[in-house]
Structures are given as structure tokens and as C-alpha cells.
Amino acid sequence: MKAYSREFRRDVLAACDSGGKTREVATRFGVSESWIRRIKQERRESGKVAAKTTRNRKRSWDDWGVWLTQKIDTRSDIYLREIQADLKSELGVEVSLWTICQACRALKRTRKKRR
């Protein structure tokens, strides 16, 4: 879900500041009462109205994603355990099978056992 815009937040807070009750403002703007309480508290404590920025976290497999793509493209019937062993021997990276599976999903690469 996308965060509400700064202008929308200001409008909601302005309605609250002009004497509107939380429930009335929530109904008027189509938001939850708890959200209004949260942004009022945030403004009171930090003085900020804007939404918090999201983290741009690096995925753990970003460094070897290209290697994985090439490996699956050259040998599509490879097992996850074989990929795990090759990662350790060729790149010196130890990861779980789950991480490899999630990387394959994100890269939209499937391992075909039948041809």
C-alpha cells in the first residue's frame, strides 16, 4: 500500500486542528481513526508530517544473482543443493537453500527437471 501524500496528511491534520473529532475526520477522509491518531502523535513528537521513507535494502543474493542466472541458463535441470555447493566452491558464498530458491523466484528463473 502506498503512503498517503504530504498534502493529504496536511488536509487531515488541518481538519483535526479546526476542531473536528477523530472519528468524524476519519469518516470524512475515508481513513482509519488509528492512522489519524498516529500522524497526530508523530507531528506532536517529531514535528514531521511526511511519511517515513522506506529502506532501500540490498538483497543478500544481489552479488551473485548474475552468476545464478547464467548457471541456470546453461544447465536448467540443476538441483538447489548443487547450486549451493557450486556457490561455496566457486564464489566462497554460503547460503541456505531457501535463499537460492527466493533468488530464483525473483530472477524469474525456473529449474526444469523434465524436457
N, C-alpha and C. Protein backbone atom coordinates (compact mmCIF):
# COMPACT_ATOMS: atom_id res chain seq x y z
N MET A 1 0.83 -1.17 0.00
CA MET A 1 0.00 0.00 0.00
C MET A 1 0.88 1.24 0.00
N LYS A 2 0.56 2.18 -0.85
CA LYS A 2 1.34 3.41 -0.92
C LYS A 2 1.01 4.31 0.26
N ALA A 3 1.98 5.10 0.64
CA ALA A 3 1.77 6.05 1.73
C ALA A 3 0.91 7.21 1.23
N TYR A 4 0.17 7.80 2.15
CA TYR A 4 -0.64 8.96 1.79
C TYR A 4 0.28 10.14 1.51
N SER A 5 -0.13 11.01 0.60
CA SER A 5 0.70 12.15 0.22
C SER A 5 0.79 13.15 1.36
N ARG A 6 1.79 13.99 1.26
CA ARG A 6 2.01 15.02 2.26
C ARG A 6 0.83 15.99 2.32
N GLU A 7 0.29 16.33 1.14
CA GLU A 7 -0.84 17.26 1.08
C GLU A 7 -2.07 16.66 1.76
N PHE A 8 -2.32 15.38 1.51
CA PHE A 8 -3.46 14.71 2.13
C PHE A 8 -3.30 14.69 3.64
N ARG A 9 -2.10 14.41 4.11
CA ARG A 9 -1.83 14.40 5.55
C ARG A 9 -2.08 15.78 6.15
N ARG A 10 -1.63 16.81 5.43
CA ARG A 10 -1.86 18.18 5.92
C ARG A 10 -3.34 18.50 6.00
N ASP A 11 -4.11 18.07 4.99
CA ASP A 11 -5.55 18.32 4.99
C ASP A 11 -6.22 17.63 6.18
N VAL A 12 -5.82 16.40 6.44
CA VAL A 12 -6.39 15.65 7.56
C VAL A 12 -6.04 16.32 8.88
N LEU A 13 -4.78 16.72 9.03
CA LEU A 13 -4.37 17.38 10.27
C LEU A 13 -5.04 18.74 10.43
N ALA A 14 -5.23 19.45 9.32
CA ALA A 14 -5.92 20.74 9.38
C ALA A 14 -7.36 20.55 9.84
N ALA A 15 -8.01 19.50 9.36
CA ALA A 15 -9.38 19.21 9.80
C ALA A 15 -9.41 18.89 11.29
N CYS A 16 -8.41 18.18 11.77
CA CYS A 16 -8.34 17.87 13.20
C CYS A 16 -8.08 19.14 14.01
N ASP A 17 -7.20 20.00 13.50
CA ASP A 17 -6.85 21.23 14.20
C ASP A 17 -8.02 22.21 14.27
N SER A 18 -8.90 22.15 13.29
CA SER A 18 -10.03 23.08 13.27
C SER A 18 -11.16 22.63 14.18
N GLY A 19 -10.91 21.60 14.97
CA GLY A 19 -11.90 21.18 15.96
C GLY A 19 -12.65 19.92 15.62
N GLY A 20 -12.33 19.29 14.51
CA GLY A 20 -13.01 18.06 14.14
C GLY A 20 -12.58 16.90 15.02
N LYS A 21 -13.51 16.07 15.38
CA LYS A 21 -13.19 14.90 16.19
C LYS A 21 -12.56 13.83 15.30
N THR A 22 -11.75 13.00 15.90
CA THR A 22 -11.01 11.99 15.15
C THR A 22 -11.93 11.10 14.33
N ARG A 23 -13.01 10.65 14.92
CA ARG A 23 -13.93 9.76 14.22
C ARG A 23 -14.57 10.46 13.02
N GLU A 24 -14.97 11.72 13.20
CA GLU A 24 -15.60 12.48 12.11
C GLU A 24 -14.62 12.70 10.96
N VAL A 25 -13.39 13.06 11.31
CA VAL A 25 -12.36 13.31 10.28
C VAL A 25 -12.05 12.01 9.55
N ALA A 26 -11.98 10.91 10.28
CA ALA A 26 -11.70 9.61 9.66
C ALA A 26 -12.78 9.24 8.67
N THR A 27 -14.03 9.46 9.03
CA THR A 27 -15.14 9.15 8.14
C THR A 27 -15.13 10.07 6.92
N ARG A 28 -14.85 11.33 7.17
CA ARG A 28 -14.84 12.32 6.08
C ARG A 28 -13.77 12.02 5.03
N PHE A 29 -12.58 11.61 5.49
CA PHE A 29 -11.47 11.37 4.56
C PHE A 29 -11.32 9.90 4.18
N GLY A 30 -12.09 9.02 4.78
CA GLY A 30 -12.02 7.61 4.43
C GLY A 30 -10.77 6.90 4.92
N VAL A 31 -10.31 7.26 6.10
CA VAL A 31 -9.13 6.62 6.69
C VAL A 31 -9.50 6.08 8.06
N SER A 32 -8.60 5.35 8.67
CA SER A 32 -8.89 4.79 9.99
C SER A 32 -8.58 5.80 11.09
N GLU A 33 -9.27 5.63 12.19
CA GLU A 33 -9.03 6.50 13.34
C GLU A 33 -7.62 6.31 13.88
N SER A 34 -7.16 5.08 13.89
CA SER A 34 -5.82 4.81 14.42
C SER A 34 -4.75 5.50 13.58
N TRP A 35 -4.96 5.58 12.26
CA TRP A 35 -3.99 6.27 11.40
C TRP A 35 -3.94 7.75 11.76
N ILE A 36 -5.11 8.35 11.99
CA ILE A 36 -5.15 9.77 12.35
C ILE A 36 -4.45 9.98 13.69
N ARG A 37 -4.72 9.12 14.65
CA ARG A 37 -4.03 9.24 15.95
C ARG A 37 -2.52 9.12 15.78
N ARG A 38 -2.10 8.22 14.91
CA ARG A 38 -0.67 8.00 14.68
C ARG A 38 -0.01 9.23 14.06
N ILE A 39 -0.64 9.85 13.05
CA ILE A 39 0.02 11.01 12.42
C ILE A 39 -0.04 12.22 13.35
N LYS A 40 -1.08 12.32 14.18
CA LYS A 40 -1.12 13.41 15.15
C LYS A 40 0.00 13.24 16.18
N GLN A 41 0.22 12.02 16.61
CA GLN A 41 1.28 11.74 17.57
C GLN A 41 2.65 12.00 16.95
N GLU A 42 2.82 11.59 15.71
CA GLU A 42 4.10 11.80 15.03
C GLU A 42 4.39 13.29 14.88
N ARG A 43 3.37 14.07 14.54
CA ARG A 43 3.57 15.52 14.41
C ARG A 43 3.89 16.14 15.77
N ARG A 44 3.22 15.66 16.80
CA ARG A 44 3.44 16.19 18.14
C ARG A 44 4.85 15.87 18.63
N GLU A 45 5.34 14.65 18.36
CA GLU A 45 6.64 14.23 18.88
C GLU A 45 7.82 14.70 18.04
N SER A 46 7.67 14.65 16.71
CA SER A 46 8.82 14.97 15.86
C SER A 46 8.61 16.21 15.00
N GLY A 47 7.38 16.67 14.91
CA GLY A 47 7.11 17.85 14.09
C GLY A 47 7.03 17.55 12.61
N LYS A 48 7.07 16.29 12.24
CA LYS A 48 7.05 15.91 10.83
C LYS A 48 5.66 15.48 10.40
N VAL A 49 5.32 15.83 9.17
CA VAL A 49 4.01 15.47 8.62
C VAL A 49 4.17 14.41 7.53
N ALA A 50 5.32 14.39 6.87
CA ALA A 50 5.54 13.49 5.74
C ALA A 50 5.65 12.04 6.19
N ALA A 51 5.38 11.14 5.27
CA ALA A 51 5.51 9.71 5.55
C ALA A 51 6.98 9.36 5.73
N LYS A 52 7.22 8.33 6.49
CA LYS A 52 8.59 7.87 6.68
C LYS A 52 9.11 7.27 5.39
N THR A 53 10.38 7.44 5.15
CA THR A 53 10.96 6.88 3.93
C THR A 53 11.18 5.39 4.12
N THR A 54 11.08 4.65 3.04
CA THR A 54 11.29 3.22 3.11
C THR A 54 12.77 2.91 2.96
N ARG A 55 13.16 1.79 3.50
CA ARG A 55 14.56 1.39 3.38
C ARG A 55 14.80 0.80 2.01
N ASN A 56 15.91 1.13 1.44
CA ASN A 56 16.31 0.52 0.18
C ASN A 56 17.36 -0.53 0.51
N ARG A 57 16.87 -1.65 1.01
CA ARG A 57 17.76 -2.69 1.48
C ARG A 57 18.27 -3.53 0.32
N LYS A 58 19.53 -3.85 0.37
CA LYS A 58 20.15 -4.69 -0.65
C LYS A 58 19.82 -6.15 -0.35
N ARG A 59 19.42 -6.87 -1.37
CA ARG A 59 19.12 -8.29 -1.18
C ARG A 59 20.42 -9.05 -0.98
N SER A 60 20.35 -10.10 -0.19
CA SER A 60 21.56 -10.84 0.15
C SER A 60 22.18 -11.53 -1.05
N TRP A 61 21.40 -11.78 -2.08
CA TRP A 61 21.90 -12.50 -3.25
C TRP A 61 22.23 -11.57 -4.42
N ASP A 62 22.19 -10.27 -4.24
CA ASP A 62 22.48 -9.35 -5.34
C ASP A 62 23.87 -9.54 -5.94
N ASP A 63 24.83 -9.87 -5.09
CA ASP A 63 26.21 -10.00 -5.56
C ASP A 63 26.39 -11.19 -6.50
N TRP A 64 25.63 -12.25 -6.32
CA TRP A 64 25.80 -13.44 -7.15
C TRP A 64 24.57 -13.76 -7.98
N GLY A 65 23.69 -12.82 -8.17
CA GLY A 65 22.48 -13.02 -8.97
C GLY A 65 22.76 -13.30 -10.43
N VAL A 66 23.72 -12.57 -11.01
CA VAL A 66 24.07 -12.78 -12.42
C VAL A 66 24.68 -14.16 -12.60
N TRP A 67 25.53 -14.55 -11.65
CA TRP A 67 26.14 -15.88 -11.70
C TRP A 67 25.06 -16.96 -11.67
N LEU A 68 24.06 -16.78 -10.81
CA LEU A 68 22.97 -17.75 -10.69
C LEU A 68 22.17 -17.83 -11.99
N THR A 69 21.89 -16.70 -12.58
CA THR A 69 21.14 -16.68 -13.85
C THR A 69 21.89 -17.45 -14.93
N GLN A 70 23.18 -17.21 -15.03
CA GLN A 70 23.99 -17.92 -16.04
C GLN A 70 24.03 -19.41 -15.75
N LYS A 71 24.14 -19.77 -14.48
CA LYS A 71 24.21 -21.18 -14.09
C LYS A 71 22.92 -21.92 -14.48
N ILE A 72 21.78 -21.30 -14.21
CA ILE A 72 20.50 -21.94 -14.53
C ILE A 72 20.27 -21.95 -16.03
N ASP A 73 20.70 -20.91 -16.73
CA ASP A 73 20.52 -20.87 -18.19
C ASP A 73 21.36 -21.94 -18.89
N THR A 74 22.54 -22.23 -18.36
CA THR A 74 23.39 -23.23 -19.00
C THR A 74 22.96 -24.65 -18.64
N ARG A 75 22.44 -24.83 -17.43
CA ARG A 75 22.01 -26.16 -17.00
C ARG A 75 20.70 -26.04 -16.23
N SER A 76 19.60 -26.19 -16.94
CA SER A 76 18.29 -25.92 -16.34
C SER A 76 17.80 -27.02 -15.40
N ASP A 77 18.45 -28.19 -15.41
CA ASP A 77 17.98 -29.28 -14.55
C ASP A 77 18.82 -29.41 -13.27
N ILE A 78 19.50 -28.35 -12.89
CA ILE A 78 20.37 -28.37 -11.72
C ILE A 78 19.54 -28.34 -10.43
N TYR A 79 20.01 -29.05 -9.43
CA TYR A 79 19.35 -29.08 -8.13
C TYR A 79 19.83 -27.91 -7.27
N LEU A 80 19.00 -27.53 -6.31
CA LEU A 80 19.37 -26.43 -5.42
C LEU A 80 20.63 -26.77 -4.63
N ARG A 81 20.75 -28.02 -4.22
CA ARG A 81 21.94 -28.44 -3.46
C ARG A 81 23.21 -28.31 -4.31
N GLU A 82 23.09 -28.59 -5.60
CA GLU A 82 24.24 -28.43 -6.49
C GLU A 82 24.60 -26.95 -6.64
N ILE A 83 23.59 -26.10 -6.75
CA ILE A 83 23.85 -24.66 -6.82
C ILE A 83 24.53 -24.20 -5.54
N GLN A 84 24.04 -24.70 -4.41
CA GLN A 84 24.61 -24.33 -3.12
C GLN A 84 26.09 -24.75 -3.03
N ALA A 85 26.40 -25.95 -3.49
CA ALA A 85 27.78 -26.43 -3.47
C ALA A 85 28.66 -25.63 -4.42
N ASP A 86 28.14 -25.31 -5.62
CA ASP A 86 28.90 -24.52 -6.58
C ASP A 86 29.15 -23.10 -6.07
N LEU A 87 28.17 -22.53 -5.41
CA LEU A 87 28.35 -21.20 -4.83
C LEU A 87 29.49 -21.20 -3.82
N LYS A 88 29.52 -22.24 -3.00
CA LYS A 88 30.56 -22.32 -1.98
C LYS A 88 31.93 -22.55 -2.60
N SER A 89 32.01 -23.43 -3.60
CA SER A 89 33.32 -23.75 -4.18
C SER A 89 33.82 -22.67 -5.13
N GLU A 90 32.93 -22.08 -5.94
CA GLU A 90 33.36 -21.10 -6.94
C GLU A 90 33.46 -19.68 -6.40
N LEU A 91 32.49 -19.29 -5.57
CA LEU A 91 32.46 -17.90 -5.10
C LEU A 91 32.76 -17.76 -3.61
N GLY A 92 32.81 -18.88 -2.90
CA GLY A 92 33.07 -18.82 -1.47
C GLY A 92 31.91 -18.26 -0.65
N VAL A 93 30.70 -18.43 -1.17
CA VAL A 93 29.50 -17.90 -0.51
C VAL A 93 28.69 -19.05 0.05
N GLU A 94 28.35 -18.97 1.33
CA GLU A 94 27.50 -19.98 1.96
C GLU A 94 26.12 -19.39 2.19
N VAL A 95 25.12 -19.97 1.54
CA VAL A 95 23.73 -19.51 1.71
C VAL A 95 22.83 -20.73 1.86
N SER A 96 21.63 -20.47 2.36
CA SER A 96 20.66 -21.56 2.54
C SER A 96 19.97 -21.87 1.22
N LEU A 97 19.35 -23.02 1.18
CA LEU A 97 18.58 -23.41 0.00
C LEU A 97 17.41 -22.46 -0.20
N TRP A 98 16.83 -21.98 0.89
CA TRP A 98 15.71 -21.05 0.83
C TRP A 98 16.12 -19.75 0.13
N THR A 99 17.31 -19.24 0.43
CA THR A 99 17.79 -18.02 -0.20
C THR A 99 17.97 -18.22 -1.69
N ILE A 100 18.50 -19.37 -2.08
CA ILE A 100 18.67 -19.67 -3.50
C ILE A 100 17.31 -19.76 -4.18
N CYS A 101 16.37 -20.40 -3.53
CA CYS A 101 15.02 -20.54 -4.08
C CYS A 101 14.37 -19.16 -4.27
N GLN A 102 14.50 -18.29 -3.27
CA GLN A 102 13.93 -16.95 -3.37
C GLN A 102 14.60 -16.13 -4.47
N ALA A 103 15.91 -16.30 -4.63
CA ALA A 103 16.63 -15.60 -5.69
C ALA A 103 16.14 -16.07 -7.06
N CYS A 104 15.94 -17.37 -7.21
CA CYS A 104 15.43 -17.91 -8.48
C CYS A 104 14.06 -17.34 -8.79
N ARG A 105 13.21 -17.25 -7.78
CA ARG A 105 11.88 -16.68 -7.98
C ARG A 105 11.95 -15.22 -8.40
N ALA A 106 12.79 -14.45 -7.72
CA ALA A 106 12.90 -13.03 -8.02
C ALA A 106 13.49 -12.80 -9.41
N LEU A 107 14.39 -13.67 -9.82
CA LEU A 107 15.01 -13.56 -11.14
C LEU A 107 14.15 -14.20 -12.23
N LYS A 108 13.03 -14.80 -11.82
CA LYS A 108 12.10 -15.46 -12.74
C LYS A 108 12.80 -16.57 -13.53
N ARG A 109 13.59 -17.35 -12.81
CA ARG A 109 14.28 -18.49 -13.40
C ARG A 109 13.72 -19.76 -12.77
N THR A 110 13.32 -20.70 -13.61
CA THR A 110 12.83 -21.97 -13.11
C THR A 110 13.81 -23.06 -13.50
N ARG A 111 13.87 -24.05 -12.64
CA ARG A 111 14.73 -25.19 -12.92
C ARG A 111 13.84 -26.30 -13.43
N LYS A 112 14.04 -26.70 -14.68
CA LYS A 112 13.19 -27.71 -15.32
C LYS A 112 13.82 -29.09 -15.13
N LYS A 113 13.03 -30.01 -14.62
CA LYS A 113 13.51 -31.38 -14.46
C LYS A 113 13.12 -32.24 -15.64
N ARG A 114 12.07 -31.88 -16.32
CA ARG A 114 11.62 -32.64 -17.49
C ARG A 114 11.81 -31.80 -18.74
N ARG A 115 12.04 -32.48 -19.83
CA ARG A 115 12.21 -31.74 -21.09
C ARG A 115 11.16 -32.16 -22.06
